[in-house]
Amino acid sequence: MGDNNVNLPPGFRFYPTDEELVVHFLHRKAELLPCHPDVIPDLELYSYDPWELDGRALAEGNQWYYYSRRTQNRVTENGYWKPTGIEEPVISSTSNKRVGMKKYFMFHLGEAKTNWIMQEYRLSDSASSSSRSSKRKSQQKTDFNKWVICRVYECKEDGDDGTELSCLDEVFLSLDDLEEISLPN
C-alpha cells in the first residue's frame, strides 16, 4: 500500500465505499473519536501536486486517501483543482438519509486539463447538526466541518476504439441523474 507504513495484515486492502469514507472515517475525525485502523494521514492538500502524493497519502492501487482542512483555496505550486459539476449526496444504506456530500475536481496545469481527479467528501450540514452531543453544542459549526477526506486518482485513458468509457466519461456520467437518461433500443 505505498510507503505509508500502514500496519494492515497481508491480504487486506483499503477499498472503502463513499458511505464508509464519510461515516466511519470523516465523521469520527470530525468528532475527535479514534478510528481503527488509523490509516489515513492528515495532509495539507494544496501544498502538493497530485503526482507528489505517493508516499505521503494512504495509497491503494492508483488511489490516494488523506484528510485535509476544508478550504476554498485549491491552488498548488504548479496548478489548481477546478470543480466539475455539482455536489452529490452520500446516502446511508441503512437509514436512507444523507450523511455527507461528494464533489469532483479536476487538476489543471494553467489552462490545460490533466487526468488527475479528486473526490472531496464533506459531512452534510444535516449530519453535523443532528449528530452533535450536548457537550459539543458549544463548539462552532465550522469546527465540525473543517475536515474533508479526499480520494485522488489519475484516470488512464482506455483505447480509442469507442468500446469502453474512459475514466473521465464515467465521472461525468455519475453526475447525471440516471432516471432522466433515455437510451436507444
N, C-alpha and C. Protein backbone atom coordinates (compact mmCIF):
# COMPACT_ATOMS: atom_id res chain seq x y z
N MET A 1 0.81 -1.19 0.00
CA MET A 1 0.00 0.00 0.00
C MET A 1 0.85 1.25 0.00
N GLY A 2 1.87 1.32 -0.80
CA GLY A 2 2.70 2.50 -0.87
C GLY A 2 3.71 2.53 0.25
N ASP A 3 4.25 3.71 0.51
CA ASP A 3 5.29 3.86 1.52
C ASP A 3 4.74 4.48 2.80
N ASN A 4 3.50 4.23 3.13
CA ASN A 4 2.86 4.89 4.27
C ASN A 4 3.08 4.19 5.59
N ASN A 5 3.74 3.05 5.59
CA ASN A 5 3.93 2.27 6.80
C ASN A 5 2.61 1.91 7.45
N VAL A 6 1.61 1.61 6.66
CA VAL A 6 0.31 1.20 7.17
C VAL A 6 0.43 -0.21 7.69
N ASN A 7 -0.12 -0.44 8.84
CA ASN A 7 0.05 -1.72 9.51
C ASN A 7 -1.19 -2.61 9.35
N LEU A 8 -1.54 -2.98 8.15
CA LEU A 8 -2.64 -3.90 7.91
C LEU A 8 -2.06 -5.28 7.63
N PRO A 9 -2.74 -6.33 8.07
CA PRO A 9 -2.24 -7.68 7.81
C PRO A 9 -2.18 -7.97 6.32
N PRO A 10 -1.33 -8.90 5.91
CA PRO A 10 -1.24 -9.26 4.49
C PRO A 10 -2.60 -9.70 3.97
N GLY A 11 -2.92 -9.29 2.76
CA GLY A 11 -4.18 -9.67 2.14
C GLY A 11 -5.29 -8.66 2.34
N PHE A 12 -5.15 -7.75 3.27
CA PHE A 12 -6.17 -6.73 3.50
C PHE A 12 -5.95 -5.57 2.55
N ARG A 13 -7.04 -5.07 1.98
CA ARG A 13 -6.97 -3.95 1.05
C ARG A 13 -7.91 -2.85 1.53
N PHE A 14 -7.62 -1.64 1.12
CA PHE A 14 -8.39 -0.48 1.52
C PHE A 14 -9.21 0.00 0.33
N TYR A 15 -10.46 -0.46 0.24
CA TYR A 15 -11.37 -0.06 -0.83
C TYR A 15 -12.70 0.37 -0.21
N PRO A 16 -12.73 1.50 0.51
CA PRO A 16 -13.96 1.92 1.18
C PRO A 16 -14.98 2.48 0.20
N THR A 17 -16.24 2.31 0.55
CA THR A 17 -17.33 2.93 -0.21
C THR A 17 -17.40 4.40 0.18
N ASP A 18 -18.18 5.17 -0.56
CA ASP A 18 -18.39 6.58 -0.21
C ASP A 18 -18.97 6.69 1.19
N GLU A 19 -19.95 5.86 1.49
CA GLU A 19 -20.58 5.88 2.81
C GLU A 19 -19.56 5.58 3.91
N GLU A 20 -18.72 4.59 3.70
CA GLU A 20 -17.71 4.23 4.71
C GLU A 20 -16.71 5.36 4.91
N LEU A 21 -16.30 6.03 3.83
CA LEU A 21 -15.39 7.16 3.98
C LEU A 21 -16.00 8.26 4.85
N VAL A 22 -17.28 8.54 4.62
CA VAL A 22 -17.94 9.62 5.37
C VAL A 22 -18.26 9.20 6.79
N VAL A 23 -18.91 8.05 6.97
CA VAL A 23 -19.41 7.65 8.29
C VAL A 23 -18.29 7.13 9.18
N HIS A 24 -17.51 6.19 8.69
CA HIS A 24 -16.51 5.56 9.55
C HIS A 24 -15.26 6.43 9.74
N PHE A 25 -14.84 7.12 8.70
CA PHE A 25 -13.59 7.87 8.80
C PHE A 25 -13.81 9.36 9.07
N LEU A 26 -14.50 10.06 8.18
CA LEU A 26 -14.62 11.52 8.30
C LEU A 26 -15.43 11.93 9.52
N HIS A 27 -16.55 11.27 9.76
CA HIS A 27 -17.38 11.63 10.92
C HIS A 27 -16.60 11.44 12.21
N ARG A 28 -15.88 10.35 12.32
CA ARG A 28 -15.09 10.09 13.54
C ARG A 28 -13.97 11.12 13.68
N LYS A 29 -13.35 11.50 12.58
CA LYS A 29 -12.29 12.52 12.62
C LYS A 29 -12.86 13.84 13.11
N ALA A 30 -14.02 14.22 12.58
CA ALA A 30 -14.63 15.49 12.97
C ALA A 30 -15.06 15.50 14.44
N GLU A 31 -15.45 14.34 14.96
CA GLU A 31 -15.88 14.22 16.36
C GLU A 31 -14.71 13.96 17.31
N LEU A 32 -13.48 13.92 16.76
CA LEU A 32 -12.27 13.65 17.53
C LEU A 32 -12.32 12.29 18.22
N LEU A 33 -12.96 11.32 17.55
CA LEU A 33 -13.04 9.96 18.06
C LEU A 33 -11.96 9.10 17.41
N PRO A 34 -11.48 8.07 18.10
CA PRO A 34 -10.47 7.21 17.48
C PRO A 34 -11.06 6.41 16.32
N CYS A 35 -10.23 6.15 15.35
CA CYS A 35 -10.64 5.38 14.18
C CYS A 35 -9.69 4.21 14.05
N HIS A 36 -10.23 3.00 14.03
CA HIS A 36 -9.39 1.81 13.92
C HIS A 36 -9.72 1.09 12.64
N PRO A 37 -8.77 0.83 11.79
CA PRO A 37 -7.37 1.23 11.91
C PRO A 37 -7.20 2.70 11.53
N ASP A 38 -6.25 3.35 12.16
CA ASP A 38 -5.96 4.76 11.90
C ASP A 38 -4.94 4.81 10.77
N VAL A 39 -5.42 4.75 9.54
CA VAL A 39 -4.53 4.59 8.39
C VAL A 39 -4.49 5.81 7.47
N ILE A 40 -5.44 6.73 7.59
CA ILE A 40 -5.50 7.87 6.68
C ILE A 40 -4.78 9.05 7.32
N PRO A 41 -3.75 9.57 6.66
CA PRO A 41 -2.99 10.68 7.24
C PRO A 41 -3.64 12.04 7.01
N ASP A 42 -3.26 13.00 7.84
CA ASP A 42 -3.62 14.41 7.63
C ASP A 42 -2.59 14.98 6.66
N LEU A 43 -3.07 15.76 5.70
CA LEU A 43 -2.18 16.31 4.69
C LEU A 43 -2.73 17.64 4.23
N GLU A 44 -1.88 18.62 4.12
CA GLU A 44 -2.29 19.88 3.51
C GLU A 44 -2.28 19.67 2.01
N LEU A 45 -3.44 19.37 1.45
CA LEU A 45 -3.57 19.01 0.04
C LEU A 45 -2.91 20.01 -0.88
N TYR A 46 -3.10 21.26 -0.61
CA TYR A 46 -2.71 22.26 -1.58
C TYR A 46 -1.23 22.61 -1.51
N SER A 47 -0.49 21.89 -0.69
CA SER A 47 0.97 22.01 -0.69
C SER A 47 1.59 21.10 -1.73
N TYR A 48 0.80 20.17 -2.27
CA TYR A 48 1.34 19.14 -3.16
C TYR A 48 0.56 19.06 -4.47
N ASP A 49 1.27 18.84 -5.55
CA ASP A 49 0.64 18.48 -6.81
C ASP A 49 0.24 17.02 -6.70
N PRO A 50 -0.76 16.56 -7.46
CA PRO A 50 -1.25 15.20 -7.26
C PRO A 50 -0.20 14.11 -7.45
N TRP A 51 0.75 14.31 -8.33
CA TRP A 51 1.78 13.30 -8.56
C TRP A 51 2.80 13.24 -7.42
N GLU A 52 2.70 14.15 -6.45
CA GLU A 52 3.58 14.14 -5.29
C GLU A 52 2.96 13.44 -4.08
N LEU A 53 1.77 12.88 -4.22
CA LEU A 53 1.07 12.27 -3.09
C LEU A 53 1.64 10.91 -2.69
N ASP A 54 2.25 10.21 -3.63
CA ASP A 54 2.77 8.88 -3.33
C ASP A 54 3.79 8.97 -2.20
N GLY A 55 3.59 8.16 -1.17
CA GLY A 55 4.46 8.19 -0.01
C GLY A 55 4.01 9.15 1.07
N ARG A 56 3.06 10.03 0.75
CA ARG A 56 2.56 10.99 1.73
C ARG A 56 1.13 10.66 2.16
N ALA A 57 0.34 10.16 1.23
CA ALA A 57 -1.06 9.81 1.50
C ALA A 57 -1.19 8.29 1.50
N LEU A 58 -2.30 7.79 2.03
CA LEU A 58 -2.56 6.35 2.01
C LEU A 58 -2.80 5.93 0.56
N ALA A 59 -2.00 5.03 0.06
CA ALA A 59 -2.11 4.59 -1.32
C ALA A 59 -2.70 3.19 -1.35
N GLU A 60 -3.67 3.00 -2.24
CA GLU A 60 -4.22 1.68 -2.52
C GLU A 60 -4.44 1.62 -4.02
N GLY A 61 -3.65 0.82 -4.68
CA GLY A 61 -3.73 0.78 -6.14
C GLY A 61 -3.32 2.13 -6.69
N ASN A 62 -4.15 2.70 -7.56
CA ASN A 62 -3.84 4.01 -8.13
C ASN A 62 -4.64 5.12 -7.46
N GLN A 63 -5.04 4.91 -6.20
CA GLN A 63 -5.81 5.91 -5.47
C GLN A 63 -5.07 6.29 -4.19
N TRP A 64 -5.17 7.58 -3.84
CA TRP A 64 -4.56 8.10 -2.63
C TRP A 64 -5.65 8.73 -1.77
N TYR A 65 -5.59 8.48 -0.46
CA TYR A 65 -6.58 8.96 0.50
C TYR A 65 -5.88 9.79 1.57
N TYR A 66 -6.52 10.88 2.00
CA TYR A 66 -5.98 11.68 3.09
C TYR A 66 -7.06 12.63 3.61
N TYR A 67 -6.86 13.09 4.84
CA TYR A 67 -7.69 14.14 5.41
C TYR A 67 -7.02 15.48 5.09
N SER A 68 -7.84 16.50 4.91
CA SER A 68 -7.31 17.84 4.72
C SER A 68 -8.30 18.82 5.34
N ARG A 69 -7.81 19.98 5.64
CA ARG A 69 -8.69 21.03 6.15
C ARG A 69 -9.51 21.58 4.99
N ARG A 70 -10.76 21.86 5.24
CA ARG A 70 -11.64 22.40 4.21
C ARG A 70 -11.26 23.84 3.93
N THR A 71 -11.09 24.16 2.65
CA THR A 71 -10.69 25.50 2.24
C THR A 71 -11.23 25.80 0.86
N GLN A 72 -11.28 27.06 0.54
CA GLN A 72 -11.69 27.47 -0.81
C GLN A 72 -10.47 27.56 -1.74
N ASN A 73 -9.27 27.69 -1.16
CA ASN A 73 -8.05 27.81 -1.94
C ASN A 73 -7.59 26.42 -2.38
N ARG A 74 -7.70 26.14 -3.65
CA ARG A 74 -7.30 24.83 -4.17
C ARG A 74 -6.18 24.99 -5.20
N VAL A 75 -5.21 25.82 -4.86
CA VAL A 75 -4.11 26.13 -5.76
C VAL A 75 -2.83 25.51 -5.21
N THR A 76 -2.10 24.81 -6.09
CA THR A 76 -0.80 24.24 -5.72
C THR A 76 0.30 25.07 -6.37
N GLU A 77 1.52 24.64 -6.23
CA GLU A 77 2.64 25.37 -6.83
C GLU A 77 2.55 25.38 -8.36
N ASN A 78 2.07 24.28 -8.95
CA ASN A 78 2.07 24.16 -10.41
C ASN A 78 0.69 24.22 -11.06
N GLY A 79 -0.38 24.19 -10.29
CA GLY A 79 -1.71 24.16 -10.90
C GLY A 79 -2.80 24.41 -9.88
N TYR A 80 -4.02 23.96 -10.23
CA TYR A 80 -5.15 24.16 -9.34
C TYR A 80 -6.20 23.09 -9.59
N TRP A 81 -7.03 22.86 -8.57
CA TRP A 81 -8.15 21.92 -8.66
C TRP A 81 -9.40 22.70 -9.01
N LYS A 82 -10.02 22.37 -10.13
CA LYS A 82 -11.22 23.05 -10.60
C LYS A 82 -12.43 22.14 -10.40
N PRO A 83 -13.51 22.66 -9.78
CA PRO A 83 -14.69 21.82 -9.59
C PRO A 83 -15.34 21.44 -10.92
N THR A 84 -15.89 20.23 -10.98
CA THR A 84 -16.64 19.78 -12.15
C THR A 84 -18.02 19.35 -11.68
N GLY A 85 -19.04 19.91 -12.24
CA GLY A 85 -20.40 19.50 -11.87
C GLY A 85 -20.82 20.02 -10.52
N ILE A 86 -21.84 19.39 -10.00
CA ILE A 86 -22.41 19.80 -8.72
C ILE A 86 -22.08 18.76 -7.65
N GLU A 87 -22.32 19.13 -6.39
CA GLU A 87 -22.13 18.17 -5.31
C GLU A 87 -23.22 17.11 -5.39
N GLU A 88 -22.87 15.91 -5.01
CA GLU A 88 -23.88 14.85 -4.95
C GLU A 88 -23.91 14.29 -3.53
N PRO A 89 -25.07 13.89 -3.06
CA PRO A 89 -25.19 13.40 -1.69
C PRO A 89 -24.60 12.00 -1.54
N VAL A 90 -24.10 11.74 -0.33
CA VAL A 90 -23.69 10.39 0.06
C VAL A 90 -24.79 9.92 1.00
N ILE A 91 -25.48 8.84 0.61
CA ILE A 91 -26.66 8.35 1.32
C ILE A 91 -26.30 7.12 2.15
N SER A 92 -26.82 7.07 3.37
CA SER A 92 -26.62 5.91 4.23
C SER A 92 -27.44 4.73 3.70
N SER A 93 -26.82 3.58 3.62
CA SER A 93 -27.53 2.40 3.13
C SER A 93 -28.51 1.86 4.17
N THR A 94 -28.32 2.19 5.43
CA THR A 94 -29.21 1.67 6.47
C THR A 94 -30.38 2.60 6.75
N SER A 95 -30.13 3.92 6.81
CA SER A 95 -31.22 4.85 7.15
C SER A 95 -31.77 5.59 5.94
N ASN A 96 -31.11 5.46 4.80
CA ASN A 96 -31.51 6.14 3.57
C ASN A 96 -31.49 7.67 3.74
N LYS A 97 -30.66 8.17 4.67
CA LYS A 97 -30.53 9.60 4.91
C LYS A 97 -29.18 10.08 4.38
N ARG A 98 -29.14 11.35 4.07
CA ARG A 98 -27.89 11.95 3.59
C ARG A 98 -26.92 12.09 4.76
N VAL A 99 -25.71 11.55 4.59
CA VAL A 99 -24.69 11.62 5.64
C VAL A 99 -23.53 12.50 5.24
N GLY A 100 -23.41 12.82 3.98
CA GLY A 100 -22.31 13.65 3.51
C GLY A 100 -22.54 14.09 2.09
N MET A 101 -21.54 14.80 1.57
CA MET A 101 -21.59 15.29 0.21
C MET A 101 -20.26 14.97 -0.47
N LYS A 102 -20.34 14.73 -1.78
CA LYS A 102 -19.14 14.42 -2.57
C LYS A 102 -19.08 15.38 -3.74
N LYS A 103 -17.91 15.93 -3.97
CA LYS A 103 -17.70 16.84 -5.10
C LYS A 103 -16.46 16.41 -5.86
N TYR A 104 -16.54 16.49 -7.19
CA TYR A 104 -15.43 16.13 -8.07
C TYR A 104 -14.65 17.38 -8.46
N PHE A 105 -13.32 17.21 -8.55
CA PHE A 105 -12.44 18.26 -9.01
C PHE A 105 -11.47 17.67 -10.02
N MET A 106 -11.06 18.48 -10.99
CA MET A 106 -10.07 18.06 -11.97
C MET A 106 -8.86 18.98 -11.84
N PHE A 107 -7.67 18.39 -11.90
CA PHE A 107 -6.46 19.18 -11.75
C PHE A 107 -6.08 19.80 -13.09
N HIS A 108 -5.76 21.10 -13.06
CA HIS A 108 -5.37 21.85 -14.25
C HIS A 108 -3.96 22.38 -14.09
N LEU A 109 -3.20 22.31 -15.16
CA LEU A 109 -1.90 22.98 -15.25
C LEU A 109 -2.11 24.18 -16.17
N GLY A 110 -2.20 25.35 -15.59
CA GLY A 110 -2.57 26.52 -16.38
C GLY A 110 -3.98 26.32 -16.91
N GLU A 111 -4.16 26.43 -18.21
CA GLU A 111 -5.47 26.21 -18.82
C GLU A 111 -5.67 24.77 -19.26
N ALA A 112 -4.64 23.95 -19.16
CA ALA A 112 -4.70 22.57 -19.65
C ALA A 112 -5.24 21.64 -18.57
N LYS A 113 -6.25 20.84 -18.94
CA LYS A 113 -6.77 19.81 -18.04
C LYS A 113 -5.77 18.67 -17.96
N THR A 114 -5.74 18.02 -16.80
CA THR A 114 -4.93 16.82 -16.66
C THR A 114 -5.88 15.64 -16.45
N ASN A 115 -5.34 14.47 -16.26
CA ASN A 115 -6.14 13.27 -15.99
C ASN A 115 -6.31 13.02 -14.50
N TRP A 116 -5.89 13.96 -13.65
CA TRP A 116 -5.99 13.79 -12.21
C TRP A 116 -7.37 14.24 -11.72
N ILE A 117 -8.01 13.37 -10.96
CA ILE A 117 -9.36 13.62 -10.42
C ILE A 117 -9.28 13.54 -8.90
N MET A 118 -10.03 14.42 -8.24
CA MET A 118 -10.15 14.35 -6.78
C MET A 118 -11.64 14.30 -6.44
N GLN A 119 -11.97 13.37 -5.56
CA GLN A 119 -13.30 13.34 -4.96
C GLN A 119 -13.12 13.87 -3.54
N GLU A 120 -13.79 14.96 -3.24
CA GLU A 120 -13.69 15.57 -1.92
C GLU A 120 -15.00 15.30 -1.18
N TYR A 121 -14.89 14.66 -0.01
CA TYR A 121 -16.06 14.31 0.79
C TYR A 121 -16.12 15.24 1.99
N ARG A 122 -17.31 15.74 2.27
CA ARG A 122 -17.52 16.53 3.47
C ARG A 122 -18.78 16.04 4.14
N LEU A 123 -18.90 16.34 5.42
CA LEU A 123 -20.11 15.99 6.14
C LEU A 123 -21.21 16.94 5.71
N SER A 124 -22.43 16.44 5.58
CA SER A 124 -23.53 17.32 5.24
C SER A 124 -23.92 18.12 6.47
N ASP A 125 -24.51 19.28 6.25
CA ASP A 125 -24.92 20.13 7.37
C ASP A 125 -25.91 19.41 8.27
N SER A 126 -26.81 18.63 7.68
CA SER A 126 -27.80 17.92 8.49
C SER A 126 -27.14 16.83 9.32
N ALA A 127 -26.11 16.18 8.77
CA ALA A 127 -25.42 15.13 9.53
C ALA A 127 -24.64 15.75 10.69
N SER A 128 -24.04 16.91 10.46
CA SER A 128 -23.24 17.51 11.52
C SER A 128 -24.12 18.08 12.62
N SER A 129 -25.24 18.67 12.28
CA SER A 129 -26.06 19.27 13.33
C SER A 129 -26.84 18.22 14.11
N SER A 130 -27.22 17.14 13.47
CA SER A 130 -28.02 16.14 14.18
C SER A 130 -27.17 15.21 15.03
N SER A 131 -25.86 15.14 14.78
CA SER A 131 -25.05 14.17 15.50
C SER A 131 -24.27 14.79 16.65
N ARG A 132 -24.34 16.07 16.84
CA ARG A 132 -23.60 16.70 17.93
C ARG A 132 -24.21 16.35 19.27
N SER A 133 -23.35 16.03 20.21
CA SER A 133 -23.83 15.80 21.57
C SER A 133 -23.96 17.14 22.27
N SER A 134 -24.60 17.14 23.44
CA SER A 134 -24.84 18.40 24.13
C SER A 134 -23.53 19.08 24.54
N LYS A 135 -22.50 18.32 24.86
CA LYS A 135 -21.24 18.94 25.24
C LYS A 135 -20.53 19.56 24.04
N ARG A 136 -20.85 19.10 22.84
CA ARG A 136 -20.23 19.66 21.64
C ARG A 136 -21.03 20.82 21.06
N LYS A 137 -22.22 21.09 21.58
CA LYS A 137 -23.03 22.16 21.03
C LYS A 137 -22.38 23.52 21.22
N SER A 138 -21.49 23.63 22.18
CA SER A 138 -20.83 24.90 22.41
C SER A 138 -19.76 25.16 21.34
N GLN A 139 -19.30 24.11 20.66
CA GLN A 139 -18.31 24.30 19.59
C GLN A 139 -18.99 24.93 18.39
N GLN A 140 -18.22 25.67 17.63
CA GLN A 140 -18.77 26.29 16.44
C GLN A 140 -18.99 25.24 15.35
N LYS A 141 -19.94 25.53 14.48
CA LYS A 141 -20.24 24.64 13.38
C LYS A 141 -19.02 24.44 12.48
N THR A 142 -18.22 25.49 12.33
CA THR A 142 -17.04 25.38 11.47
C THR A 142 -16.03 24.40 12.04
N ASP A 143 -15.99 24.22 13.34
CA ASP A 143 -15.08 23.22 13.92
C ASP A 143 -15.46 21.83 13.44
N PHE A 144 -16.76 21.55 13.38
CA PHE A 144 -17.21 20.23 12.96
C PHE A 144 -16.96 19.99 11.48
N ASN A 145 -17.11 21.02 10.68
CA ASN A 145 -17.00 20.89 9.23
C ASN A 145 -15.65 21.33 8.68
N LYS A 146 -14.63 21.41 9.50
CA LYS A 146 -13.35 21.89 8.99
C LYS A 146 -12.57 20.82 8.24
N TRP A 147 -12.97 19.56 8.37
CA TRP A 147 -12.24 18.47 7.73
C TRP A 147 -12.97 17.96 6.50
N VAL A 148 -12.19 17.54 5.52
CA VAL A 148 -12.69 16.79 4.37
C VAL A 148 -11.79 15.58 4.23
N ILE A 149 -12.30 14.59 3.53
CA ILE A 149 -11.47 13.44 3.18
C ILE A 149 -11.42 13.41 1.65
N CYS A 150 -10.25 13.17 1.11
CA CYS A 150 -10.05 13.23 -0.34
C CYS A 150 -9.58 11.89 -0.87
N ARG A 151 -10.10 11.57 -2.04
CA ARG A 151 -9.64 10.40 -2.81
C ARG A 151 -9.13 10.98 -4.14
N VAL A 152 -7.86 10.78 -4.43
CA VAL A 152 -7.24 11.31 -5.64
C VAL A 152 -6.78 10.14 -6.49
N TYR A 153 -6.98 10.25 -7.79
CA TYR A 153 -6.53 9.21 -8.71
C TYR A 153 -6.30 9.80 -10.08
N GLU A 154 -5.47 9.12 -10.85
CA GLU A 154 -5.22 9.54 -12.21
C GLU A 154 -5.98 8.63 -13.15
N CYS A 155 -6.77 9.22 -14.01
CA CYS A 155 -7.51 8.44 -15.00
C CYS A 155 -6.57 8.04 -16.12
N LYS A 156 -6.55 6.77 -16.37
CA LYS A 156 -5.78 6.26 -17.52
C LYS A 156 -6.76 6.07 -18.65
N GLU A 157 -6.50 6.70 -19.77
CA GLU A 157 -7.40 6.61 -20.91
C GLU A 157 -7.35 5.21 -21.51
N ASP A 158 -8.52 4.63 -21.78
CA ASP A 158 -8.60 3.34 -22.45
C ASP A 158 -8.31 3.55 -23.93
N GLY A 159 -8.23 2.46 -24.66
CA GLY A 159 -8.03 2.55 -26.10
C GLY A 159 -9.14 3.37 -26.75
N ASP A 160 -8.83 4.00 -27.85
CA ASP A 160 -9.79 4.89 -28.51
C ASP A 160 -10.65 4.14 -29.51
N ASP A 161 -10.98 2.89 -29.22
CA ASP A 161 -11.81 2.13 -30.16
C ASP A 161 -13.29 2.36 -29.92
N GLY A 162 -13.66 3.17 -28.93
CA GLY A 162 -15.05 3.51 -28.69
C GLY A 162 -15.85 2.45 -27.96
N THR A 163 -15.23 1.34 -27.57
CA THR A 163 -15.99 0.28 -26.93
C THR A 163 -16.11 0.45 -25.42
N GLU A 164 -15.19 1.18 -24.81
CA GLU A 164 -15.24 1.37 -23.37
C GLU A 164 -15.28 2.85 -23.03
N LEU A 165 -15.93 3.18 -21.93
CA LEU A 165 -15.93 4.55 -21.47
C LEU A 165 -14.60 4.85 -20.81
N SER A 166 -14.12 6.06 -21.01
CA SER A 166 -12.90 6.46 -20.31
C SER A 166 -13.26 6.77 -18.87
N CYS A 167 -12.26 6.87 -18.04
CA CYS A 167 -12.46 7.19 -16.63
C CYS A 167 -13.17 8.54 -16.50
N LEU A 168 -12.81 9.52 -17.31
CA LEU A 168 -13.45 10.83 -17.23
C LEU A 168 -14.92 10.75 -17.66
N ASP A 169 -15.22 9.95 -18.67
CA ASP A 169 -16.62 9.76 -19.08
C ASP A 169 -17.44 9.20 -17.93
N GLU A 170 -16.88 8.24 -17.21
CA GLU A 170 -17.58 7.64 -16.08
C GLU A 170 -17.83 8.66 -14.97
N VAL A 171 -16.86 9.55 -14.74
CA VAL A 171 -17.03 10.59 -13.72
C VAL A 171 -18.18 11.51 -14.12
N PHE A 172 -18.18 11.98 -15.36
CA PHE A 172 -19.22 12.90 -15.79
C PHE A 172 -20.59 12.23 -15.83
N LEU A 173 -20.66 10.97 -16.23
CA LEU A 173 -21.94 10.26 -16.23
C LEU A 173 -22.46 10.05 -14.82
N SER A 174 -21.58 9.88 -13.85
CA SER A 174 -22.03 9.69 -12.47
C SER A 174 -22.68 10.94 -11.92
N LEU A 175 -22.41 12.08 -12.53
CA LEU A 175 -23.01 13.33 -12.07
C LEU A 175 -24.43 13.51 -12.59
N ASP A 176 -24.80 12.75 -13.61
CA ASP A 176 -26.14 12.85 -14.18
C ASP A 176 -27.15 12.05 -13.39
N ASP A 177 -28.41 12.45 -13.50
CA ASP A 177 -29.49 11.68 -12.90
C ASP A 177 -29.86 10.56 -13.88
N LEU A 178 -29.56 9.34 -13.50
CA LEU A 178 -29.74 8.21 -14.41
C LEU A 178 -31.20 7.98 -14.80
N GLU A 179 -32.14 8.44 -14.00
CA GLU A 179 -33.55 8.25 -14.34
C GLU A 179 -33.96 9.11 -15.53
N GLU A 180 -33.21 10.18 -15.79
CA GLU A 180 -33.56 11.08 -16.89
C GLU A 180 -32.90 10.69 -18.20
N ILE A 181 -32.02 9.69 -18.18
CA ILE A 181 -31.32 9.28 -19.39
C ILE A 181 -32.16 8.25 -20.13
N SER A 182 -32.38 8.50 -21.41
CA SER A 182 -33.08 7.50 -22.22
C SER A 182 -32.11 6.99 -23.27
N LEU A 183 -31.94 5.69 -23.29
CA LEU A 183 -31.03 5.07 -24.22
C LEU A 183 -31.81 4.50 -25.38
N PRO A 184 -31.23 4.52 -26.58
CA PRO A 184 -31.94 3.94 -27.74
C PRO A 184 -32.07 2.44 -27.60
N ASN A 185 -33.13 1.87 -28.18
CA ASN A 185 -33.35 0.44 -28.11
C ASN A 185 -32.51 -0.32 -29.07
